[in-house]
Amino acid sequence: MKTAQDLVMEARQSIREIDAETLLQLQASGAPVIDVREPGEFAAGHIPGAVNIPRGVLEFEVDGHPAVNCVRDPVLSHREAPVLLCCRSGGRSALAADALRRLGFAQPLSLAGGLMGWVGTHRAVES
């Protein structure tokens, strides 16, 4: 039997984690930041410019699942470009990056330490 932490550790072996500085550089060059936390968590504070696509619907959102009104989010429209993923501590975003990798995304990147690490380096948060 595996734990959630086991799944996160396995995901981290298959993906690339980035630091806050790299996220800012990639975001400045046009890469989208997707916050995979729940809407209430996102509303309480998030990385400036991030969009909220909860982890629970991310894979469905990619292909316009009816649960999200059959609308594909434009930030996921180009599978070759970097996609920056974040969550509270880096676990959910690692799982999300691994899921996108398995769906054919070439550069799904997870923010190491998540929003807690972001805040710990005194970066801006918006709500």
C-alpha atoms as a PDB file:
ATOM      1  CA  MET A   1       0.000   0.000   0.000  1.00  0.00           C
ATOM      2  CA  LYS A   2       1.168   3.526  -0.778  1.00  0.00           C
ATOM      3  CA  THR A   3       0.588   6.788   1.018  1.00  0.00           C
ATOM      4  CA  ALA A   4      -0.103  10.147  -0.544  1.00  0.00           C
ATOM      5  CA  GLN A   5       3.490  11.101   0.292  1.00  0.00           C
ATOM      6  CA  ASP A   6       4.713   8.022  -1.602  1.00  0.00           C
ATOM      7  CA  LEU A   7       2.788   9.200  -4.668  1.00  0.00           C
ATOM      8  CA  VAL A   8       4.250  12.694  -4.349  1.00  0.00           C
ATOM      9  CA  MET A   9       7.787  11.306  -4.053  1.00  0.00           C
ATOM     10  CA  GLU A  10       7.238   9.149  -7.147  1.00  0.00           C
ATOM     11  CA  ALA A  11       5.862  12.143  -9.065  1.00  0.00           C
ATOM     12  CA  ARG A  12       8.876  14.242  -8.104  1.00  0.00           C
ATOM     13  CA  GLN A  13      11.135  11.655  -9.730  1.00  0.00           C
ATOM     14  CA  SER A  14       9.368  12.214 -13.064  1.00  0.00           C
ATOM     15  CA  ILE A  15       8.988  15.985 -13.109  1.00  0.00           C
ATOM     16  CA  ARG A  16      11.065  19.129 -12.765  1.00  0.00           C
ATOM     17  CA  GLU A  17      10.654  21.377  -9.752  1.00  0.00           C
ATOM     18  CA  ILE A  18      11.611  25.031 -10.014  1.00  0.00           C
ATOM     19  CA  ASP A  19      12.325  27.806  -7.535  1.00  0.00           C
ATOM     20  CA  ALA A  20      10.507  31.136  -7.199  1.00  0.00           C
ATOM     21  CA  GLU A  21      13.066  33.037  -9.270  1.00  0.00           C
ATOM     22  CA  THR A  22      12.739  30.607 -12.177  1.00  0.00           C
ATOM     23  CA  LEU A  23       8.957  30.811 -11.949  1.00  0.00           C
ATOM     24  CA  LEU A  24       9.110  34.600 -12.202  1.00  0.00           C
ATOM     25  CA  GLN A  25      11.448  34.439 -15.202  1.00  0.00           C
ATOM     26  CA  LEU A  26       9.248  31.940 -17.043  1.00  0.00           C
ATOM     27  CA  GLN A  27       6.081  33.833 -16.132  1.00  0.00           C
ATOM     28  CA  ALA A  28       7.640  37.032 -17.502  1.00  0.00           C
ATOM     29  CA  SER A  29       8.265  35.231 -20.793  1.00  0.00           C
ATOM     30  CA  GLY A  30       4.593  34.267 -21.023  1.00  0.00           C
ATOM     31  CA  ALA A  31       4.367  30.892 -19.269  1.00  0.00           C
ATOM     32  CA  PRO A  32       1.079  30.473 -17.388  1.00  0.00           C
ATOM     33  CA  VAL A  33       0.995  29.891 -13.639  1.00  0.00           C
ATOM     34  CA  ILE A  34      -1.722  27.458 -12.616  1.00  0.00           C
ATOM     35  CA  ASP A  35      -2.636  27.223  -8.947  1.00  0.00           C
ATOM     36  CA  VAL A  36      -4.098  23.749  -8.369  1.00  0.00           C
ATOM     37  CA  ARG A  37      -5.485  24.457  -4.894  1.00  0.00           C
ATOM     38  CA  GLU A  38      -9.189  24.618  -4.151  1.00  0.00           C
ATOM     39  CA  PRO A  39     -11.026  27.883  -5.007  1.00  0.00           C
ATOM     40  CA  GLY A  40     -11.253  28.988  -1.352  1.00  0.00           C
ATOM     41  CA  GLU A  41      -7.517  28.526  -0.877  1.00  0.00           C
ATOM     42  CA  PHE A  42      -6.829  30.447  -4.091  1.00  0.00           C
ATOM     43  CA  ALA A  43      -9.125  33.304  -3.048  1.00  0.00           C
ATOM     44  CA  ALA A  44      -7.270  33.648   0.257  1.00  0.00           C
ATOM     45  CA  GLY A  45      -4.044  34.472  -1.598  1.00  0.00           C
ATOM     46  CA  HIS A  46      -2.108  33.387  -4.672  1.00  0.00           C
ATOM     47  CA  ILE A  47       0.845  34.238  -6.882  1.00  0.00           C
ATOM     48  CA  PRO A  48       0.073  37.374  -8.907  1.00  0.00           C
ATOM     49  CA  GLY A  49      -1.168  36.441 -12.362  1.00  0.00           C
ATOM     50  CA  ALA A  50      -1.948  32.823 -11.466  1.00  0.00           C
ATOM     51  CA  VAL A  51      -5.148  31.166 -12.629  1.00  0.00           C
ATOM     52  CA  ASN A  52      -7.022  28.634 -10.524  1.00  0.00           C
ATOM     53  CA  ILE A  53      -7.670  25.179 -11.933  1.00  0.00           C
ATOM     54  CA  PRO A  54      -8.177  22.848  -8.961  1.00  0.00           C
ATOM     55  CA  ARG A  55      -6.212  19.605  -8.936  1.00  0.00           C
ATOM     56  CA  GLY A  56      -9.440  17.628  -8.912  1.00  0.00           C
ATOM     57  CA  VAL A  57     -10.482  18.837 -12.390  1.00  0.00           C
ATOM     58  CA  LEU A  58      -7.128  19.573 -14.024  1.00  0.00           C
ATOM     59  CA  GLU A  59      -6.987  16.513 -16.268  1.00  0.00           C
ATOM     60  CA  PHE A  60     -10.608  17.048 -17.301  1.00  0.00           C
ATOM     61  CA  GLU A  61     -10.057  20.753 -17.973  1.00  0.00           C
ATOM     62  CA  VAL A  62      -7.284  19.930 -20.425  1.00  0.00           C
ATOM     63  CA  ASP A  63      -9.726  18.364 -22.845  1.00  0.00           C
ATOM     64  CA  GLY A  64     -12.821  20.420 -22.040  1.00  0.00           C
ATOM     65  CA  HIS A  65     -14.704  17.952 -19.845  1.00  0.00           C
ATOM     66  CA  PRO A  66     -18.441  18.646 -19.398  1.00  0.00           C
ATOM     67  CA  ALA A  67     -17.817  19.173 -15.675  1.00  0.00           C
ATOM     68  CA  VAL A  68     -16.171  22.460 -16.623  1.00  0.00           C
ATOM     69  CA  ASN A  69     -18.745  23.487 -19.254  1.00  0.00           C
ATOM     70  CA  CYS A  70     -16.847  21.988 -22.207  1.00  0.00           C
ATOM     71  CA  VAL A  71     -14.513  24.979 -22.286  1.00  0.00           C
ATOM     72  CA  ARG A  72     -10.814  24.387 -22.543  1.00  0.00           C
ATOM     73  CA  ASP A  73      -8.829  26.894 -20.528  1.00  0.00           C
ATOM     74  CA  PRO A  74      -6.570  28.853 -22.920  1.00  0.00           C
ATOM     75  CA  VAL A  75      -3.577  28.604 -20.566  1.00  0.00           C
ATOM     76  CA  LEU A  76      -3.463  24.873 -21.294  1.00  0.00           C
ATOM     77  CA  SER A  77      -3.764  25.160 -25.064  1.00  0.00           C
ATOM     78  CA  HIS A  78      -0.109  24.682 -25.999  1.00  0.00           C
ATOM     79  CA  ARG A  79       1.414  21.429 -24.815  1.00  0.00           C
ATOM     80  CA  GLU A  80       4.991  22.231 -25.848  1.00  0.00           C
ATOM     81  CA  ALA A  81       5.324  25.438 -23.791  1.00  0.00           C
ATOM     82  CA  PRO A  82       6.192  25.499 -20.086  1.00  0.00           C
ATOM     83  CA  VAL A  83       3.243  25.243 -17.704  1.00  0.00           C
ATOM     84  CA  LEU A  84       3.981  26.400 -14.146  1.00  0.00           C
ATOM     85  CA  LEU A  85       2.074  24.648 -11.378  1.00  0.00           C
ATOM     86  CA  CYS A  86       1.785  25.620  -7.728  1.00  0.00           C
ATOM     87  CA  CYS A  87      -0.136  24.609  -4.625  1.00  0.00           C
ATOM     88  CA  ARG A  88       0.245  25.157  -0.873  1.00  0.00           C
ATOM     89  CA  SER A  89       3.415  23.125  -0.247  1.00  0.00           C
ATOM     90  CA  GLY A  90       4.424  21.550  -3.569  1.00  0.00           C
ATOM     91  CA  GLY A  91       2.770  18.135  -3.226  1.00  0.00           C
ATOM     92  CA  ARG A  92      -0.382  18.670  -5.272  1.00  0.00           C
ATOM     93  CA  SER A  93       1.531  20.610  -7.899  1.00  0.00           C
ATOM     94  CA  ALA A  94       4.035  17.747  -8.230  1.00  0.00           C
ATOM     95  CA  LEU A  95       1.143  15.324  -8.768  1.00  0.00           C
ATOM     96  CA  ALA A  96      -0.437  17.759 -11.239  1.00  0.00           C
ATOM     97  CA  ALA A  97       2.829  18.173 -13.161  1.00  0.00           C
ATOM     98  CA  ASP A  98       3.211  14.408 -13.381  1.00  0.00           C
ATOM     99  CA  ALA A  99      -0.384  14.056 -14.618  1.00  0.00           C
ATOM    100  CA  LEU A 100       0.180  16.686 -17.311  1.00  0.00           C
ATOM    101  CA  ARG A 101       3.460  15.003 -18.285  1.00  0.00           C
ATOM    102  CA  ARG A 102       1.586  11.734 -18.755  1.00  0.00           C
ATOM    103  CA  LEU A 103      -1.000  13.593 -20.874  1.00  0.00           C
ATOM    104  CA  GLY A 104       1.729  14.774 -23.243  1.00  0.00           C
ATOM    105  CA  PHE A 105       2.735  18.161 -21.889  1.00  0.00           C
ATOM    106  CA  ALA A 106       6.427  18.686 -22.618  1.00  0.00           C
ATOM    107  CA  GLN A 107       7.289  21.083 -19.780  1.00  0.00           C
ATOM    108  CA  PRO A 108       5.014  20.862 -16.745  1.00  0.00           C
ATOM    109  CA  LEU A 109       6.970  22.489 -13.910  1.00  0.00           C
ATOM    110  CA  SER A 110       6.125  22.412 -10.209  1.00  0.00           C
ATOM    111  CA  LEU A 111       7.020  25.208  -7.798  1.00  0.00           C
ATOM    112  CA  ALA A 112       9.194  23.638  -5.099  1.00  0.00           C
ATOM    113  CA  GLY A 113       7.800  24.479  -1.669  1.00  0.00           C
ATOM    114  CA  GLY A 114       4.562  25.811  -3.152  1.00  0.00           C
ATOM    115  CA  LEU A 115       2.967  29.023  -1.953  1.00  0.00           C
ATOM    116  CA  MET A 116       4.453  28.508   1.520  1.00  0.00           C
ATOM    117  CA  GLY A 117       7.943  28.605   0.003  1.00  0.00           C
ATOM    118  CA  TRP A 118       6.951  31.571  -2.163  1.00  0.00           C
ATOM    119  CA  VAL A 119       5.786  33.535   0.871  1.00  0.00           C
ATOM    120  CA  GLY A 120       8.875  32.400   2.794  1.00  0.00           C
ATOM    121  CA  THR A 121      11.041  34.221   0.248  1.00  0.00           C
ATOM    122  CA  HIS A 122       8.964  37.396   0.758  1.00  0.00           C
ATOM    123  CA  ARG A 123       7.318  37.282  -2.671  1.00  0.00           C
ATOM    124  CA  ALA A 124       4.081  39.137  -3.407  1.00  0.00           C
ATOM    125  CA  VAL A 125       0.697  37.454  -2.996  1.00  0.00           C
ATOM    126  CA  GLU A 126      -2.610  38.767  -4.273  1.00  0.00           C
ATOM    127  CA  SER A 127      -6.147  37.863  -3.341  1.00  0.00           C
END
